[in-house]
Amino acid sequence: MPDPRYIIAAYDYLGPKHAGPAIRTLALARQLSKIGDVDIIFEGEAPSDQPARISFIEKGSVDLSAGFFLKYKAALVPPLVAMTVPQILESDIPVVVDLFDPVVWENLLLYKSEPEKDRQFQHERHLAALIAALFRGDYFIVAGKRQQDLFLGSLMALNRVNPSTWIEKSGPGQLVGLVPFGLPDGQPPDPDETAIPDIYSAGGNIAVWGGGMWDWLCPETVVKAWPMVLKRYPDAILAFPGTDHPNPHVPEMASVGRVRKLSRELGIEKNVVFGSWLPRDEYLALLGRASVGVSAHSPGLEATYAVRTRFLDSIWMGLPMVVSGDDEYSSIIAEQELGVVIESESPTDFANGIIHVMDQGRGAYAGMFARARSELTWSKAAAELVEWMVEPRITHGSGIQFFRDTVGDVAPRERPSDLGSLVNRVIKKLRN
């Protein structure tokens, strides 16, 4: 009997430069390759070092009709798959939906400066795609317990939590599995073996704003703290290596311009470095040579349900962090003593936290990071997903007709019917 085969729709653009969603796609693919062969539908560039039992299918290179997917035991897809590869939802194979990214919350902030009509347009099409995935999915995974509660409530409202789906075992894992971000097994790479751009080599202590400068975050808070840091460490560098994004569909964030302007106004532009998104090995090398990682955000819906994947990169490379509280992953930093969590939006508090970490030095945190790395591996994080994929089961309605009756025929990247009409169709489906 041949080994089972699984299909994954990549969450984001793949290539030598990739963000957290792409890291998650590749990591989960490696875990699933332990129980079967894995194909990944992707845009961008396939990795040069393709792991065993994992193949890459460039989107547009094959006919992705619903029948194409019948050879797979199950699929793993992002929540907006209705906008990218809707044919998976139109098939009858078991589908796992990865809900780790609170995209609807992000969009409330991402498009806040747009005209009301455009904001509503983006909200409706993303919400419609999310609803389609919640209806069609057979199993769902999230990256934190807060997200698990959020989506259990969403599924309950859509009648997806019902006697036929809530029977096999106790606890939320039977329908919504907890699959946090993880770390590779083994030791991290030696940062001295990889060269980094010269712009990060000048000066002394380096603080790295890891990942993108998203408009729903607050890099300005750290920039306002930097003059206070410079009083103690005059040659310290604040590095922003994520001013762009490897996915060409993602525009430059407005916060990039605001931070550049603010650094000039504060007279610290010589100590604030802006760079392009780095290849993965160079980024890890930068984290390995830095003194502290930084991340700041305001309290709100996005922060409550977000997972900051940049924290995992810093844990992997043993880089102590100074970060805002209120999001789920900041609790890991606090509980395992991997840096300083700031429970305010005060630049002074951030400056004091950064200075404290620099005074302590990376070596003071080495033991805590060694323990954290052993506890946060991908093999442990993905256990619930792998267990479900061994014996997947259908819990949604009947395939292609169910999908069309519920959300209609939605072309990728086009606006669906208005949300009111969508909800009416959903209610009609539930009554049938």
Protein backbone atom coordinates (compact mmCIF):
# COMPACT_ATOMS: atom_id res chain seq x y z
CA MET A 1 0.00 0.00 0.00
CA PRO A 2 1.55 3.34 -1.05
CA ASP A 3 2.25 6.01 1.52
CA PRO A 4 -0.45 8.68 1.89
CA ARG A 5 0.00 11.97 0.08
CA TYR A 6 -0.92 15.40 1.45
CA ILE A 7 -1.36 18.76 -0.28
CA ILE A 8 -0.52 22.14 1.27
CA ALA A 9 -1.48 25.54 -0.12
CA ALA A 10 1.38 27.82 0.94
CA TYR A 11 0.29 30.56 3.31
CA ASP A 12 2.59 33.15 1.73
CA TYR A 13 5.19 33.79 -0.95
CA LEU A 14 8.10 31.33 -0.86
CA GLY A 15 11.72 32.10 -1.66
CA PRO A 16 15.12 32.70 -0.04
CA LYS A 17 13.53 35.69 1.70
CA HIS A 18 10.35 34.69 3.48
CA ALA A 19 8.21 35.81 6.39
CA GLY A 20 6.61 33.96 9.29
CA PRO A 21 3.71 32.42 7.30
CA ALA A 22 6.13 30.88 4.80
CA ILE A 23 8.31 29.57 7.63
CA ARG A 24 5.21 27.93 9.10
CA THR A 25 4.26 26.34 5.77
CA LEU A 26 7.67 24.73 5.31
CA ALA A 27 7.95 23.63 8.95
CA LEU A 28 4.53 21.94 8.97
CA ALA A 29 5.32 20.31 5.63
CA ARG A 30 8.42 18.76 7.18
CA GLN A 31 6.39 17.39 10.07
CA LEU A 32 3.77 15.90 7.72
CA SER A 33 6.51 14.35 5.57
CA LYS A 34 7.18 12.02 8.52
CA ILE A 35 3.85 10.29 7.83
CA GLY A 36 3.54 10.65 4.04
CA ASP A 37 4.53 12.52 0.89
CA VAL A 38 3.74 16.23 0.73
CA ASP A 39 3.08 18.54 -2.23
CA ILE A 40 3.09 22.33 -1.74
CA ILE A 41 1.23 24.67 -4.11
CA PHE A 42 3.16 27.92 -4.02
CA GLU A 43 3.93 31.29 -5.57
CA GLY A 44 7.48 32.62 -5.66
CA GLU A 45 10.57 30.42 -5.66
CA ALA A 46 10.87 26.86 -4.39
CA PRO A 47 13.64 26.25 -1.83
CA SER A 48 16.92 25.13 -3.36
CA ASP A 49 17.39 22.50 -0.65
CA GLN A 50 14.13 20.62 -1.07
CA PRO A 51 13.57 18.20 1.81
CA ALA A 52 12.95 14.53 1.12
CA ARG A 53 9.31 13.56 0.46
CA ILE A 54 8.31 17.20 -0.17
CA SER A 55 7.57 18.41 -3.70
CA PHE A 56 6.66 21.90 -4.92
CA ILE A 57 3.94 22.70 -7.46
CA GLU A 58 4.12 26.22 -8.82
CA LYS A 59 0.69 27.79 -8.97
CA GLY A 60 -0.40 27.99 -12.61
CA SER A 61 1.78 25.10 -13.73
CA VAL A 62 -1.01 22.49 -13.42
CA ASP A 63 -4.76 22.36 -13.92
CA LEU A 64 -6.12 22.74 -10.41
CA SER A 65 -9.59 21.40 -11.01
CA ALA A 66 -11.43 19.89 -8.06
CA GLY A 67 -10.59 16.43 -9.38
CA PHE A 68 -6.86 17.17 -9.14
CA PHE A 69 -7.04 16.90 -5.36
CA LEU A 70 -8.69 13.48 -5.15
CA LYS A 71 -5.32 11.71 -4.94
CA TYR A 72 -4.56 13.40 -1.62
CA LYS A 73 -5.51 12.07 1.78
CA ALA A 74 -6.04 15.60 3.13
CA ALA A 75 -5.19 19.26 2.54
CA LEU A 76 -3.75 22.03 4.72
CA VAL A 77 -4.83 25.51 3.63
CA PRO A 78 -4.80 29.16 4.82
CA PRO A 79 -8.11 30.82 5.75
CA LEU A 80 -8.15 32.94 2.58
CA VAL A 81 -7.81 29.93 0.29
CA ALA A 82 -11.13 30.88 -1.35
CA MET A 83 -9.25 33.85 -2.82
CA THR A 84 -6.18 31.91 -3.92
CA VAL A 85 -6.87 28.20 -4.57
CA PRO A 86 -10.67 27.82 -4.23
CA GLN A 87 -10.57 24.50 -6.08
CA ILE A 88 -9.35 22.81 -2.89
CA LEU A 89 -12.55 23.88 -1.15
CA GLU A 90 -14.60 22.56 -4.07
CA SER A 91 -13.07 19.09 -3.73
CA ASP A 92 -14.33 16.40 -1.38
CA ILE A 93 -11.08 15.65 0.46
CA PRO A 94 -10.63 16.42 4.16
CA VAL A 95 -9.39 19.99 4.65
CA VAL A 96 -7.46 21.49 7.56
CA VAL A 97 -7.61 25.31 7.83
CA ASP A 98 -4.72 27.10 9.54
CA LEU A 99 -6.22 30.10 11.36
CA PHE A 100 -3.08 31.42 13.05
CA ASP A 101 -3.12 34.84 11.32
CA PRO A 102 -5.92 37.22 12.53
CA VAL A 103 -6.18 38.82 9.10
CA VAL A 104 -9.60 40.42 9.66
CA TRP A 105 -8.25 42.24 12.72
CA GLU A 106 -5.10 43.29 10.85
CA ASN A 107 -7.13 44.77 8.01
CA LEU A 108 -9.06 47.03 10.38
CA LEU A 109 -5.74 48.76 11.04
CA LEU A 110 -4.04 48.22 7.68
CA TYR A 111 -6.75 50.07 5.74
CA LYS A 112 -7.73 52.58 8.43
CA SER A 113 -6.56 55.55 6.32
CA GLU A 114 -8.46 54.44 3.21
CA PRO A 115 -11.89 55.82 2.24
CA GLU A 116 -14.77 54.10 4.04
CA LYS A 117 -15.98 52.42 0.84
CA ASP A 118 -12.56 50.84 0.23
CA ARG A 119 -12.22 49.75 3.86
CA GLN A 120 -15.60 48.03 3.67
CA PHE A 121 -14.65 46.41 0.36
CA GLN A 122 -11.52 44.83 1.85
CA HIS A 123 -13.32 43.81 5.02
CA GLU A 124 -16.19 42.09 3.21
CA ARG A 125 -14.09 40.09 0.77
CA HIS A 126 -11.70 38.85 3.46
CA LEU A 127 -14.53 38.04 5.85
CA ALA A 128 -16.42 36.19 3.11
CA ALA A 129 -13.32 34.09 2.37
CA LEU A 130 -12.86 33.35 6.06
CA ILE A 131 -16.51 32.28 6.42
CA ALA A 132 -16.12 30.00 3.40
CA ALA A 133 -13.11 28.33 5.04
CA LEU A 134 -14.93 27.95 8.36
CA PHE A 135 -17.84 26.25 6.61
CA ARG A 136 -15.73 23.99 4.41
CA GLY A 137 -12.95 23.01 6.79
CA ASP A 138 -13.01 19.63 8.50
CA TYR A 139 -10.40 20.49 11.14
CA PHE A 140 -8.85 23.78 12.21
CA ILE A 141 -5.52 24.67 13.77
CA VAL A 142 -4.50 27.80 15.67
CA ALA A 143 -1.27 29.03 17.24
CA GLY A 144 -2.49 29.97 20.72
CA LYS A 145 -5.16 29.28 23.32
CA ARG A 146 -6.77 32.69 22.83
CA GLN A 147 -7.19 31.93 19.13
CA GLN A 148 -8.62 28.54 20.02
CA ASP A 149 -11.37 30.16 22.09
CA LEU A 150 -12.02 32.80 19.40
CA PHE A 151 -12.55 30.30 16.61
CA LEU A 152 -14.49 27.82 18.70
CA GLY A 153 -16.96 30.67 19.19
CA SER A 154 -16.96 31.46 15.47
CA LEU A 155 -17.55 27.81 14.57
CA MET A 156 -20.30 27.51 17.15
CA ALA A 157 -22.10 30.50 15.58
CA LEU A 158 -21.90 28.80 12.16
CA ASN A 159 -23.27 25.50 13.53
CA ARG A 160 -19.94 23.76 12.93
CA VAL A 161 -19.82 22.71 16.60
CA ASN A 162 -22.62 20.17 16.61
CA PRO A 163 -23.32 16.54 17.60
CA SER A 164 -21.64 15.13 14.51
CA THR A 165 -18.39 17.09 14.98
CA TRP A 166 -18.07 16.95 18.78
CA ILE A 167 -18.01 13.28 19.56
CA GLU A 168 -14.63 11.58 19.55
CA LYS A 169 -12.75 12.97 22.52
CA SER A 170 -13.09 15.68 25.11
CA GLY A 171 -11.58 19.14 24.73
CA PRO A 172 -11.30 21.66 21.91
CA GLY A 173 -8.54 19.74 20.12
CA GLN A 174 -11.09 17.47 18.42
CA LEU A 175 -12.17 20.35 16.13
CA VAL A 176 -9.65 23.16 16.75
CA GLY A 177 -6.13 21.88 17.35
CA LEU A 178 -3.45 23.90 19.12
CA VAL A 179 -0.41 24.11 16.82
CA PRO A 180 1.84 26.96 17.98
CA PHE A 181 4.94 28.12 16.17
CA GLY A 182 7.96 26.00 16.89
CA LEU A 183 11.71 25.75 16.50
CA PRO A 184 13.90 23.29 14.61
CA ASP A 185 15.39 20.41 16.55
CA GLY A 186 19.07 20.66 17.36
CA GLN A 187 21.38 23.65 17.75
CA PRO A 188 20.94 26.99 15.94
CA PRO A 189 23.38 27.96 13.19
CA ASP A 190 26.66 29.66 14.04
CA PRO A 191 26.10 33.37 13.20
CA ASP A 192 29.80 33.89 12.47
CA GLU A 193 29.61 31.50 9.50
CA THR A 194 27.32 33.83 7.51
CA ALA A 195 28.18 37.35 6.39
CA ILE A 196 25.68 40.14 7.03
CA PRO A 197 25.36 43.47 5.15
CA ASP A 198 27.92 46.09 6.17
CA ILE A 199 25.21 48.52 7.28
CA TYR A 200 24.67 46.34 10.37
CA SER A 201 28.38 45.92 11.16
CA ALA A 202 29.21 49.48 12.23
CA GLY A 203 28.75 50.60 15.81
CA GLY A 204 28.47 48.59 18.99
CA ASN A 205 25.27 47.13 20.42
CA ILE A 206 22.60 46.30 17.86
CA ALA A 207 18.89 46.23 18.60
CA VAL A 208 16.88 44.45 15.88
CA TRP A 209 13.25 45.09 15.02
CA GLY A 210 12.69 41.60 13.65
CA GLY A 211 10.16 41.03 10.88
CA GLY A 212 7.99 43.56 9.09
CA MET A 213 7.18 47.11 10.15
CA TRP A 214 3.46 46.44 9.96
CA ASP A 215 1.06 49.35 10.30
CA TRP A 216 -0.68 47.60 13.20
CA LEU A 217 2.56 47.66 15.23
CA CYS A 218 4.31 50.65 16.90
CA PRO A 219 7.97 50.90 15.84
CA GLU A 220 7.73 54.61 16.64
CA THR A 221 7.72 53.73 20.35
CA VAL A 222 11.17 52.15 20.09
CA VAL A 223 12.51 55.04 17.98
CA LYS A 224 11.33 57.52 20.63
CA ALA A 225 13.17 55.44 23.23
CA TRP A 226 16.42 55.44 21.27
CA PRO A 227 17.79 58.89 22.31
CA MET A 228 17.64 57.66 25.93
CA VAL A 229 19.46 54.46 24.98
CA LEU A 230 22.15 56.50 23.19
CA LYS A 231 22.92 58.44 26.36
CA ARG A 232 24.25 55.20 27.85
CA TYR A 233 25.40 53.47 24.65
CA PRO A 234 26.34 56.28 22.19
CA ASP A 235 27.28 53.93 19.33
CA ALA A 236 24.25 51.62 19.60
CA ILE A 237 22.36 50.83 16.38
CA LEU A 238 18.61 50.32 15.99
CA ALA A 239 18.13 48.10 12.92
CA PHE A 240 14.99 47.70 10.83
CA PRO A 241 15.78 44.94 8.29
CA GLY A 242 12.15 44.53 7.21
CA THR A 243 11.22 47.76 5.45
CA ASP A 244 9.93 45.80 2.44
CA HIS A 245 8.32 42.36 2.14
CA PRO A 246 9.40 39.33 0.08
CA ASN A 247 5.83 38.97 -1.20
CA PRO A 248 5.43 41.49 -4.06
CA HIS A 249 1.67 41.67 -3.38
CA VAL A 250 2.38 43.32 0.00
CA PRO A 251 2.92 47.09 -0.32
CA GLU A 252 5.35 49.09 1.80
CA MET A 253 3.78 49.96 5.12
CA ALA A 254 3.05 53.62 5.95
CA SER A 255 4.93 53.13 9.23
CA VAL A 256 8.22 52.92 7.31
CA GLY A 257 7.92 56.54 6.20
CA ARG A 258 6.77 57.65 9.64
CA VAL A 259 9.74 56.01 11.35
CA ARG A 260 12.24 57.48 8.88
CA LYS A 261 10.77 60.95 9.45
CA LEU A 262 10.77 60.53 13.23
CA SER A 263 14.41 59.42 13.35
CA ARG A 264 15.39 62.57 11.41
CA GLU A 265 13.33 64.81 13.68
CA LEU A 266 15.01 63.27 16.75
CA GLY A 267 18.46 63.69 15.20
CA ILE A 268 19.32 60.00 15.54
CA GLU A 269 19.27 58.97 11.89
CA LYS A 270 22.94 57.92 12.04
CA ASN A 271 22.03 55.36 14.69
CA VAL A 272 18.90 53.99 12.96
CA VAL A 273 19.48 51.63 10.03
CA PHE A 274 16.85 50.69 7.44
CA GLY A 275 17.47 47.64 5.26
CA SER A 276 15.71 45.33 2.84
CA TRP A 277 14.32 41.93 3.85
CA LEU A 278 17.26 39.58 4.33
CA PRO A 279 17.68 36.00 3.13
CA ARG A 280 16.89 33.60 5.96
CA ASP A 281 20.49 32.69 6.81
CA GLU A 282 21.60 36.35 6.89
CA TYR A 283 18.66 37.33 9.08
CA LEU A 284 19.45 34.60 11.60
CA ALA A 285 23.11 35.66 11.57
CA LEU A 286 22.05 39.24 12.34
CA LEU A 287 19.99 38.03 15.29
CA GLY A 288 22.95 35.95 16.42
CA ARG A 289 25.21 39.02 16.55
CA ALA A 290 22.71 41.52 17.99
CA SER A 291 22.38 42.54 21.62
CA VAL A 292 18.59 42.72 21.90
CA GLY A 293 15.42 42.15 19.86
CA VAL A 294 12.63 44.72 20.07
CA SER A 295 8.93 44.78 19.19
CA ALA A 296 6.16 47.18 20.24
CA HIS A 297 2.42 47.38 19.70
CA SER A 298 -0.65 49.02 21.18
CA PRO A 299 -3.31 47.03 23.04
CA GLY A 300 -6.23 45.95 20.86
CA LEU A 301 -7.92 43.12 18.99
CA GLU A 302 -4.96 42.36 16.76
CA ALA A 303 -2.55 42.18 19.70
CA THR A 304 -4.92 40.02 21.75
CA TYR A 305 -5.09 37.29 19.10
CA ALA A 306 -1.76 37.73 17.32
CA VAL A 307 1.30 35.50 17.50
CA ARG A 308 4.60 37.32 16.94
CA THR A 309 6.62 34.84 14.93
CA ARG A 310 9.66 37.11 15.25
CA PHE A 311 9.83 36.06 18.92
CA LEU A 312 10.51 32.47 17.88
CA ASP A 313 13.41 33.53 15.65
CA SER A 314 14.98 35.38 18.58
CA ILE A 315 14.48 32.40 20.88
CA TRP A 316 16.09 30.15 18.28
CA MET A 317 19.16 32.41 18.10
CA GLY A 318 19.31 33.13 21.86
CA LEU A 319 18.60 36.86 21.51
CA PRO A 320 17.00 38.45 24.61
CA MET A 321 14.00 40.64 23.81
CA VAL A 322 12.24 43.78 24.99
CA VAL A 323 8.63 43.63 23.80
CA SER A 324 5.11 44.90 24.47
CA GLY A 325 2.84 42.75 26.59
CA ASP A 326 -0.80 41.79 26.01
CA ASP A 327 -0.19 39.32 23.16
CA GLU A 328 -0.08 35.62 23.89
CA TYR A 329 3.53 34.93 22.96
CA SER A 330 4.94 37.73 25.15
CA SER A 331 3.93 35.55 28.10
CA ILE A 332 6.56 33.01 26.96
CA ILE A 333 9.24 35.69 27.25
CA ALA A 334 8.06 36.67 30.72
CA GLU A 335 7.57 33.15 32.07
CA GLN A 336 10.86 31.80 30.75
CA GLU A 337 12.86 34.98 31.52
CA LEU A 338 13.98 35.56 27.94
CA GLY A 339 14.01 39.34 28.20
CA VAL A 340 11.77 42.16 29.39
CA VAL A 341 8.02 42.56 28.75
CA ILE A 342 6.78 46.17 28.83
CA GLU A 343 3.19 46.58 29.97
CA SER A 344 2.89 50.20 28.83
CA GLU A 345 3.39 52.25 25.66
CA SER A 346 5.99 54.46 27.35
CA PRO A 347 9.21 55.07 25.37
CA THR A 348 10.96 55.61 28.71
CA ASP A 349 9.94 52.13 29.86
CA PHE A 350 11.19 50.66 26.59
CA ALA A 351 14.50 52.53 26.91
CA ASN A 352 14.98 51.26 30.45
CA GLY A 353 14.21 47.70 29.33
CA ILE A 354 16.67 47.87 26.43
CA ILE A 355 19.40 49.34 28.62
CA HIS A 356 18.80 46.63 31.22
CA VAL A 357 19.22 43.84 28.63
CA MET A 358 22.34 45.48 27.16
CA ASP A 359 23.82 45.86 30.65
CA GLN A 360 23.14 42.19 31.41
CA GLY A 361 24.56 40.93 28.12
CA ARG A 362 23.41 37.92 26.08
CA GLY A 363 25.38 35.49 28.19
CA ALA A 364 23.16 36.12 31.21
CA TYR A 365 20.23 34.59 29.32
CA ALA A 366 21.97 31.60 27.72
CA GLY A 367 20.66 28.97 30.13
CA MET A 368 17.06 30.13 29.77
CA PHE A 369 17.25 30.01 25.99
CA ALA A 370 18.69 26.48 26.00
CA ARG A 371 15.71 25.31 28.05
CA ALA A 372 13.21 27.16 25.88
CA ARG A 373 14.63 25.69 22.67
CA SER A 374 14.20 22.17 23.99
CA GLU A 375 10.55 22.80 24.88
CA LEU A 376 9.41 24.68 21.76
CA THR A 377 10.32 22.33 18.91
CA TRP A 378 8.17 21.94 15.80
CA SER A 379 7.84 18.21 16.45
CA LYS A 380 6.05 19.00 19.71
CA ALA A 381 4.13 21.97 18.32
CA ALA A 382 2.68 20.07 15.34
CA ALA A 383 1.70 16.93 17.25
CA GLU A 384 -2.08 17.55 17.14
CA LEU A 385 -2.01 18.27 13.39
CA VAL A 386 0.02 15.14 12.62
CA GLU A 387 -2.28 13.00 14.79
CA TRP A 388 -5.36 14.25 12.92
CA MET A 389 -3.76 13.82 9.50
CA VAL A 390 -3.07 10.14 10.19
CA GLU A 391 -6.83 9.50 10.33
CA PRO A 392 -8.59 12.56 8.85
CA ARG A 393 -12.37 12.65 8.78
CA ILE A 394 -14.97 14.70 6.92
CA THR A 395 -17.01 17.00 9.15
CA HIS A 396 -18.27 19.59 6.65
CA GLY A 397 -21.25 19.44 4.26
CA SER A 398 -21.13 17.79 0.86
CA GLY A 399 -18.25 19.13 -1.20
CA ILE A 400 -18.58 21.36 -4.20
CA GLN A 401 -22.31 22.06 -4.04
CA PHE A 402 -22.08 22.98 -0.37
CA PHE A 403 -19.35 25.51 -1.13
CA ARG A 404 -21.19 27.06 -4.07
CA ASP A 405 -24.49 27.23 -2.22
CA THR A 406 -22.80 28.91 0.72
CA VAL A 407 -20.49 31.51 -0.86
CA GLY A 408 -21.33 31.50 -4.56
CA ASP A 409 -18.77 31.52 -7.36
CA VAL A 410 -16.02 33.86 -6.15
CA ALA A 411 -13.14 34.56 -8.50
CA PRO A 412 -9.74 35.02 -6.81
CA ARG A 413 -8.97 38.59 -5.72
CA GLU A 414 -12.43 39.85 -6.73
CA ARG A 415 -15.10 41.21 -4.46
CA PRO A 416 -17.75 38.67 -3.55
CA SER A 417 -21.41 39.51 -3.36
CA ASP A 418 -22.22 41.96 -0.60
CA LEU A 419 -21.90 40.59 2.90
CA GLY A 420 -25.62 40.79 3.61
CA SER A 421 -26.35 38.52 0.65
CA LEU A 422 -23.61 36.14 1.80
CA VAL A 423 -25.11 35.90 5.28
CA ASN A 424 -28.58 35.27 3.83
CA ARG A 425 -27.19 32.40 1.74
CA VAL A 426 -25.44 31.00 4.81
CA ILE A 427 -28.68 31.11 6.83
CA LYS A 428 -30.58 29.47 3.97
CA LYS A 429 -27.99 26.69 3.84
CA LEU A 430 -28.25 26.10 7.57
CA ARG A 431 -32.04 25.78 7.35
CA ASN A 432 -31.91 23.15 4.58
